[in-house]
Amino acid sequence: MRIVRHEEKVLEQLEYELMLLARHALRPYHRHEEVLDRSAMVLLSWLENVTPMTLKELAAALRLDASTVHRQVAALLRTELLAYAPNTSGEVARRVTPTPAGIAAMKATRTIHAQGIERVMEEWPVARRAQFLAGLQEFNSDVERLEGSPWPRGAVTS
């Protein structure tokens, strides 16, 4: 019974630390540069590695309510970070794709976040950073496998 309690405690601590990671991970580290918000980063990060998608396809892929995706996409269309892809197939539903400005804004935001991560990890040896990365990649891959929804990887992980 003692082992079970220890495993439960570890799982509780993991849940708590993952909650904190999600809170900290996308905030710039005491920076004032303009960054994209989390929802914009998620949408643009997904779309940068796939062919243009309909809002319905995006909602299913991201496991979000259609109205949430519609609202987020509308905001990105207004700021010209997303655009409607040319319709060559004759389908009624319009597909969205990142604009060059959207890709640039996402890359700039990633750079700012990476600089914040560097400040946090500046004392970590390279091997420890690589170990942390490997653990995160394994965790994310296992979540995606269980959900049946692999995240399209390419630009950042290549």
Protein backbone atom coordinates (compact mmCIF):
# COMPACT_ATOMS: atom_id res chain seq x y z
CA MET A 1 0.00 0.00 0.00
CA ARG A 2 2.91 2.34 0.66
CA ILE A 3 4.08 2.18 -2.96
CA VAL A 4 0.63 3.14 -4.20
CA ARG A 5 0.57 6.18 -1.91
CA HIS A 6 4.02 7.22 -3.11
CA GLU A 7 2.95 6.85 -6.78
CA GLU A 8 -0.23 8.82 -6.10
CA LYS A 9 1.80 11.56 -4.45
CA VAL A 10 4.18 11.66 -7.43
CA LEU A 11 1.22 11.94 -9.82
CA GLU A 12 -0.29 14.75 -7.72
CA GLN A 13 3.04 16.59 -7.74
CA LEU A 14 3.42 16.07 -11.49
CA GLU A 15 -0.07 17.47 -12.10
CA TYR A 16 0.76 20.52 -10.01
CA GLU A 17 4.11 21.14 -11.69
CA LEU A 18 2.58 20.72 -15.17
CA MET A 19 -0.06 23.29 -14.25
CA LEU A 20 2.70 25.68 -13.23
CA LEU A 21 4.68 24.91 -16.39
CA ALA A 22 1.66 25.78 -18.53
CA ARG A 23 1.31 29.04 -16.61
CA HIS A 24 4.99 30.01 -16.90
CA ALA A 25 6.00 28.60 -20.26
CA LEU A 26 4.40 31.13 -22.58
CA ARG A 27 5.00 34.28 -20.60
CA PRO A 28 7.96 36.40 -21.59
CA TYR A 29 10.47 36.65 -18.78
CA HIS A 30 10.18 40.28 -17.66
CA ARG A 31 10.08 41.53 -21.24
CA HIS A 32 8.06 44.29 -22.80
CA GLU A 33 8.18 43.29 -26.46
CA GLU A 34 4.90 42.53 -28.14
CA VAL A 35 4.19 38.82 -28.22
CA LEU A 36 1.35 36.75 -29.60
CA ASP A 37 -1.06 35.36 -27.07
CA ARG A 38 -1.26 31.65 -26.35
CA SER A 39 -4.28 30.98 -28.59
CA ALA A 40 -2.63 32.72 -31.57
CA MET A 41 0.57 30.73 -31.02
CA VAL A 42 -1.32 27.44 -30.87
CA LEU A 43 -3.29 28.12 -34.07
CA LEU A 44 -0.33 29.45 -36.02
CA SER A 45 1.96 26.67 -34.78
CA TRP A 46 -0.53 24.05 -35.94
CA LEU A 47 -1.13 25.69 -39.30
CA GLU A 48 2.54 26.31 -40.12
CA ASN A 49 3.09 22.56 -40.64
CA VAL A 50 -0.09 21.50 -42.43
CA THR A 51 -2.01 22.37 -45.56
CA PRO A 52 -4.69 25.07 -45.17
CA MET A 53 -7.63 23.92 -43.05
CA THR A 54 -11.30 24.77 -42.59
CA LEU A 55 -12.47 26.05 -39.22
CA LYS A 56 -14.28 22.76 -38.65
CA GLU A 57 -11.08 20.81 -39.31
CA LEU A 58 -9.12 23.12 -37.03
CA ALA A 59 -11.65 22.73 -34.22
CA ALA A 60 -11.47 18.94 -34.50
CA ALA A 61 -7.67 18.90 -34.71
CA LEU A 62 -7.23 21.21 -31.72
CA ARG A 63 -10.09 19.63 -29.79
CA LEU A 64 -11.77 23.00 -29.32
CA ASP A 65 -15.33 24.21 -29.65
CA ALA A 66 -16.08 25.55 -33.13
CA SER A 67 -17.14 28.95 -31.72
CA THR A 68 -13.80 29.27 -29.92
CA VAL A 69 -11.86 28.53 -33.10
CA HIS A 70 -14.08 30.90 -35.08
CA ARG A 71 -13.41 33.73 -32.61
CA GLN A 72 -9.65 33.08 -32.56
CA VAL A 73 -9.40 32.79 -36.34
CA ALA A 74 -11.45 35.97 -36.81
CA ALA A 75 -9.00 37.88 -34.61
CA LEU A 76 -6.03 36.56 -36.60
CA LEU A 77 -7.73 37.40 -39.89
CA ARG A 78 -8.38 40.99 -38.69
CA THR A 79 -4.72 41.42 -37.78
CA GLU A 80 -3.68 39.79 -41.08
CA LEU A 81 -1.73 37.02 -39.36
CA LEU A 82 -4.00 34.48 -41.10
CA ALA A 83 -5.58 34.67 -44.54
CA TYR A 84 -8.02 32.62 -46.54
CA ALA A 85 -6.20 30.23 -48.85
CA PRO A 86 -7.04 30.35 -52.55
CA ASN A 87 -9.95 28.00 -53.26
CA THR A 88 -8.96 25.74 -56.11
CA SER A 89 -11.18 22.75 -55.39
CA GLY A 90 -14.55 24.46 -55.67
CA GLU A 91 -15.54 23.59 -52.10
CA VAL A 92 -17.76 25.99 -50.18
CA ALA A 93 -15.84 25.99 -46.89
CA ARG A 94 -12.93 28.39 -46.82
CA ARG A 95 -9.53 27.33 -45.58
CA VAL A 96 -7.11 29.44 -43.56
CA THR A 97 -3.35 29.61 -43.70
CA PRO A 98 -0.72 31.74 -41.95
CA THR A 99 0.43 34.86 -43.75
CA PRO A 100 4.11 35.82 -43.97
CA ALA A 101 3.34 38.37 -41.22
CA GLY A 102 1.81 35.60 -39.11
CA ILE A 103 4.86 33.38 -39.51
CA ALA A 104 7.16 36.33 -38.69
CA ALA A 105 5.14 37.23 -35.58
CA MET A 106 5.22 33.62 -34.43
CA LYS A 107 8.99 33.39 -34.95
CA ALA A 108 9.52 36.66 -33.09
CA THR A 109 7.38 35.41 -30.19
CA ARG A 110 9.30 32.12 -30.12
CA THR A 111 12.57 34.05 -29.97
CA ILE A 112 11.37 36.10 -27.01
CA HIS A 113 10.15 32.96 -25.22
CA ALA A 114 13.42 31.16 -25.97
CA GLN A 115 15.33 34.09 -24.47
CA GLY A 116 13.23 33.80 -21.32
CA ILE A 117 13.85 30.05 -21.18
CA GLU A 118 17.56 30.71 -21.59
CA ARG A 119 17.53 33.07 -18.61
CA VAL A 120 15.82 30.42 -16.49
CA MET A 121 18.19 27.66 -17.61
CA GLU A 122 21.41 29.65 -17.93
CA GLU A 123 23.05 27.69 -15.10
CA TRP A 124 21.88 24.30 -16.39
CA PRO A 125 24.49 22.15 -18.14
CA VAL A 126 23.75 21.31 -21.77
CA ALA A 127 23.16 17.66 -20.87
CA ARG A 128 20.50 18.62 -18.31
CA ARG A 129 18.74 20.84 -20.86
CA ALA A 130 18.77 17.99 -23.39
CA GLN A 131 17.41 15.57 -20.77
CA PHE A 132 14.58 17.97 -19.90
CA LEU A 133 13.78 18.40 -23.60
CA ALA A 134 13.74 14.64 -24.17
CA GLY A 135 11.35 14.15 -21.25
CA LEU A 136 8.98 16.85 -22.51
CA GLN A 137 9.04 15.44 -26.04
CA GLU A 138 8.31 11.95 -24.77
CA PHE A 139 5.49 13.21 -22.54
CA ASN A 140 3.89 15.22 -25.36
CA SER A 141 4.21 12.34 -27.82
CA ASP A 142 2.52 9.97 -25.36
CA VAL A 143 -0.33 12.44 -24.77
CA GLU A 144 -0.80 12.81 -28.53
CA ARG A 145 -0.75 9.04 -28.99
CA LEU A 146 -3.39 8.54 -26.28
CA GLU A 147 -5.57 11.29 -27.75
CA GLY A 148 -5.07 10.01 -31.29
CA SER A 149 -4.07 13.49 -32.39
CA PRO A 150 -0.39 13.93 -33.17
CA TRP A 151 0.83 17.49 -33.32
CA PRO A 152 2.28 18.36 -36.74
CA ARG A 153 5.95 18.97 -36.19
CA GLY A 154 8.38 20.47 -38.61
CA ALA A 155 9.72 24.00 -38.45
CA VAL A 156 10.79 24.04 -34.81
CA THR A 157 11.69 20.41 -34.32
CA SER A 158 13.63 19.87 -37.54
